[in-house]
Amino acid sequence: MKKLLLASAVALAVSGGAQASEHSGTYAFDTKGSHQFITFKISHLGYSWLYGRFNDFDGEFVYDAQNPANSSVEVAVATSSVDSNHAERDKHLRSEDFLYVDEFPEATFKSKRVVVDDEGEADIVGDLTLRGVTKEVTLDVEMLGHGDDPWGGYRMGFEAETEFKLTDFGIPMDLGKASETVEMIISVEGIRQ
């Protein structure tokens, strides 16, 4: 696939700054080991939280230690892989009411810039394309760690969070004010290529 919602990789590289300074490179998501998650939560009518995830996505990030603002990330998600732990609900989420996966089988994220503040924390700003609509979103990113792995590779891990309104991406289902916004959490391990 390509790449989506994991800008965490880049901004995290920024927030990890000095400690990761000699580890520039291109990192591919660890899809083989499944050390990656794109999860979401949304209020169900204001009475409880509905949690879910996307099981099939891929991507890579480029970390530039000398100039973190030059780092980048791309991710692609198979929208049909949505999993809320309930088959009938997942069928509804795949329908025209929500993700409309027959028409839009892939969602993507492509970073445009990395913004680092005075405290070394980073945001990754990029274009999210979902259900055929492209909007700019900001991912709040944290570097979780980096280093050698037991198999002779080198890894970096990040977590990112963002939120957006369903209507921003043309999702027509209206479950009321409490259910207008979805929160996304993206966690990924990249293996340096």
Protein backbone atom coordinates (compact mmCIF):
# COMPACT_ATOMS: atom_id res chain seq x y z
CA MET A 1 0.00 0.00 0.00
CA LYS A 2 1.07 3.55 0.34
CA LYS A 3 0.84 5.57 3.49
CA LEU A 4 -1.58 7.46 5.88
CA LEU A 5 -2.14 8.97 9.31
CA LEU A 6 1.24 8.33 10.81
CA ALA A 7 2.91 11.63 10.80
CA SER A 8 3.95 10.75 14.28
CA ALA A 9 7.04 9.29 12.80
CA VAL A 10 8.32 12.61 11.59
CA ALA A 11 7.31 14.88 14.38
CA LEU A 12 8.48 12.38 16.85
CA ALA A 13 11.82 12.47 15.27
CA VAL A 14 11.67 16.17 15.96
CA SER A 15 10.66 15.86 19.56
CA GLY A 16 13.37 13.24 20.05
CA GLY A 17 15.84 15.73 18.57
CA ALA A 18 19.27 15.42 20.14
CA GLN A 19 19.02 11.81 21.25
CA ALA A 20 18.27 10.64 17.72
CA SER A 21 20.62 13.07 15.98
CA GLU A 22 22.81 10.46 14.27
CA HIS A 23 19.95 8.30 13.09
CA SER A 24 18.76 9.98 9.93
CA GLY A 25 17.25 7.79 7.26
CA THR A 26 14.16 6.27 5.74
CA TYR A 27 12.09 4.01 8.01
CA ALA A 28 9.44 1.58 6.78
CA PHE A 29 6.53 0.70 9.03
CA ASP A 30 6.90 -2.72 10.66
CA THR A 31 3.94 -4.35 8.95
CA LYS A 32 5.42 -7.86 9.20
CA GLY A 33 5.60 -7.73 12.99
CA SER A 34 2.42 -5.64 13.23
CA HIS A 35 4.07 -3.17 15.57
CA GLN A 36 1.69 -0.44 14.46
CA PHE A 37 -1.82 0.67 15.26
CA ILE A 38 -4.30 3.22 13.96
CA THR A 39 -7.10 3.41 16.49
CA PHE A 40 -10.08 5.71 16.93
CA LYS A 41 -12.78 6.56 19.40
CA ILE A 42 -16.03 8.41 19.01
CA SER A 43 -18.89 9.04 21.39
CA HIS A 44 -21.95 6.85 20.87
CA LEU A 45 -24.87 9.23 21.36
CA GLY A 46 -23.08 10.76 24.35
CA TYR A 47 -23.63 7.59 26.40
CA SER A 48 -20.41 5.66 25.85
CA TRP A 49 -17.26 5.48 23.75
CA LEU A 50 -17.02 3.40 20.61
CA TYR A 51 -13.48 2.20 19.93
CA GLY A 52 -12.07 0.73 16.75
CA ARG A 53 -9.02 0.36 14.57
CA PHE A 54 -7.81 -0.14 11.02
CA ASN A 55 -6.05 -3.47 10.59
CA ASP A 56 -4.42 -2.90 7.19
CA PHE A 57 -2.13 0.09 6.60
CA ASP A 58 1.42 0.80 5.53
CA GLY A 59 3.79 3.71 5.27
CA GLU A 60 7.23 5.14 5.78
CA PHE A 61 8.88 8.17 7.26
CA VAL A 62 12.08 10.01 6.49
CA TYR A 63 13.91 11.44 9.50
CA ASP A 64 16.37 14.28 8.92
CA ALA A 65 18.39 14.71 12.12
CA GLN A 66 20.18 17.84 10.91
CA ASN A 67 16.97 19.62 9.98
CA PRO A 68 13.83 17.93 11.43
CA ALA A 69 11.63 20.33 9.45
CA ASN A 70 12.77 18.44 6.33
CA SER A 71 11.44 15.14 7.70
CA SER A 72 8.35 13.62 6.12
CA VAL A 73 5.81 10.82 6.42
CA GLU A 74 3.31 9.11 4.14
CA VAL A 75 0.70 6.53 5.10
CA ALA A 76 -2.04 4.60 3.29
CA VAL A 77 -4.93 2.79 5.00
CA ALA A 78 -7.29 0.22 3.55
CA THR A 79 -10.62 1.60 4.75
CA SER A 80 -12.31 -1.81 4.45
CA SER A 81 -10.05 -3.03 7.28
CA VAL A 82 -12.05 -1.04 9.85
CA ASP A 83 -12.64 -3.19 12.94
CA SER A 84 -14.89 -2.14 15.81
CA ASN A 85 -15.25 -5.67 17.23
CA HIS A 86 -18.81 -6.02 15.88
CA ALA A 87 -19.42 -7.45 12.40
CA GLU A 88 -22.75 -5.72 11.72
CA ARG A 89 -21.46 -2.36 12.90
CA ASP A 90 -18.34 -2.79 10.75
CA LYS A 91 -20.58 -3.49 7.75
CA HIS A 92 -22.37 -0.20 8.47
CA LEU A 93 -19.07 1.67 8.90
CA ARG A 94 -18.01 0.43 5.44
CA SER A 95 -21.25 1.64 3.86
CA GLU A 96 -22.13 4.95 2.19
CA ASP A 97 -23.23 6.27 5.61
CA PHE A 98 -19.61 6.37 6.77
CA LEU A 99 -16.43 5.30 4.92
CA TYR A 100 -18.06 4.22 1.63
CA VAL A 101 -15.25 1.74 1.01
CA ASP A 102 -16.59 0.52 -2.36
CA GLU A 103 -16.02 3.98 -3.78
CA PHE A 104 -13.07 5.05 -1.59
CA PRO A 105 -11.01 1.96 -0.67
CA GLU A 106 -8.02 3.92 0.60
CA ALA A 107 -7.38 6.82 2.96
CA THR A 108 -4.01 8.58 2.87
CA PHE A 109 -1.93 11.03 4.83
CA LYS A 110 1.00 12.97 3.37
CA SER A 111 2.94 15.42 5.49
CA LYS A 112 3.55 18.98 4.30
CA ARG A 113 5.62 20.39 7.14
CA VAL A 114 6.97 19.66 10.60
CA VAL A 115 6.67 22.40 13.20
CA VAL A 116 8.91 22.28 16.28
CA ASP A 117 8.29 24.49 19.29
CA ASP A 118 10.79 25.92 21.80
CA GLU A 119 10.38 22.89 24.08
CA GLY A 120 11.32 20.45 21.32
CA GLU A 121 7.79 19.14 20.82
CA ALA A 122 6.51 18.74 17.29
CA ASP A 123 3.40 18.87 15.16
CA ILE A 124 3.17 17.30 11.74
CA VAL A 125 0.87 19.16 9.38
CA GLY A 126 -0.32 17.33 6.31
CA ASP A 127 -3.12 16.38 3.98
CA LEU A 128 -5.53 13.67 5.04
CA THR A 129 -7.62 12.24 2.24
CA LEU A 130 -10.66 10.32 3.44
CA ARG A 131 -13.82 9.44 1.54
CA GLY A 132 -12.51 11.40 -1.45
CA VAL A 133 -12.06 14.64 0.51
CA THR A 134 -8.64 16.14 1.26
CA LYS A 135 -8.20 18.40 4.29
CA GLU A 136 -5.22 19.63 6.24
CA VAL A 137 -4.88 18.10 9.70
CA THR A 138 -2.29 18.44 12.46
CA LEU A 139 -0.82 15.47 14.30
CA ASP A 140 0.54 16.00 17.81
CA VAL A 141 3.58 13.73 17.90
CA GLU A 142 5.75 12.12 20.56
CA MET A 143 8.87 10.02 20.00
CA LEU A 144 8.62 6.86 22.06
CA GLY A 145 12.15 5.59 21.49
CA HIS A 146 14.77 4.33 19.05
CA GLY A 147 17.67 1.89 18.92
CA ASP A 148 18.97 -1.46 17.76
CA ASP A 149 16.59 -4.40 17.60
CA PRO A 150 17.44 -8.09 18.29
CA TRP A 151 17.46 -8.91 14.54
CA GLY A 152 20.23 -6.55 13.46
CA GLY A 153 18.01 -3.64 12.48
CA TYR A 154 17.48 -0.14 13.82
CA ARG A 155 14.03 1.15 14.83
CA MET A 156 12.24 4.34 15.80
CA GLY A 157 8.80 4.49 17.36
CA PHE A 158 6.25 7.30 17.53
CA GLU A 159 2.76 8.05 18.69
CA ALA A 160 0.51 10.75 17.23
CA GLU A 161 -2.96 12.07 18.00
CA THR A 162 -5.44 14.13 16.03
CA GLU A 163 -9.18 14.71 15.82
CA PHE A 164 -11.60 15.91 13.19
CA LYS A 165 -15.30 16.30 12.51
CA LEU A 166 -16.96 13.62 10.41
CA THR A 167 -18.64 16.27 8.28
CA ASP A 168 -15.22 17.68 7.32
CA PHE A 169 -14.75 14.56 5.19
CA GLY A 170 -18.27 14.30 3.82
CA ILE A 171 -19.44 11.55 6.17
CA PRO A 172 -23.23 12.01 6.13
CA MET A 173 -24.29 9.93 9.15
CA ASP A 174 -25.53 12.22 11.93
CA LEU A 175 -25.71 10.69 15.41
CA GLY A 176 -26.05 14.04 17.17
CA LYS A 177 -23.74 16.69 18.60
CA ALA A 178 -21.91 14.32 20.97
CA SER A 179 -20.84 12.16 18.03
CA GLU A 180 -19.58 14.84 15.62
CA THR A 181 -15.85 14.40 16.29
CA VAL A 182 -13.62 11.35 16.05
CA GLU A 183 -10.29 11.06 17.88
CA MET A 184 -7.42 9.17 16.23
CA ILE A 185 -4.35 7.67 17.89
CA ILE A 186 -1.56 6.38 15.69
CA SER A 187 1.35 4.34 17.02
CA VAL A 188 4.09 3.02 14.76
CA GLU A 189 7.50 1.39 14.76
CA GLY A 190 9.69 2.08 11.75
CA ILE A 191 12.64 -0.05 10.62
CA ARG A 192 15.50 1.87 9.05
CA GLN A 193 16.05 0.80 5.44
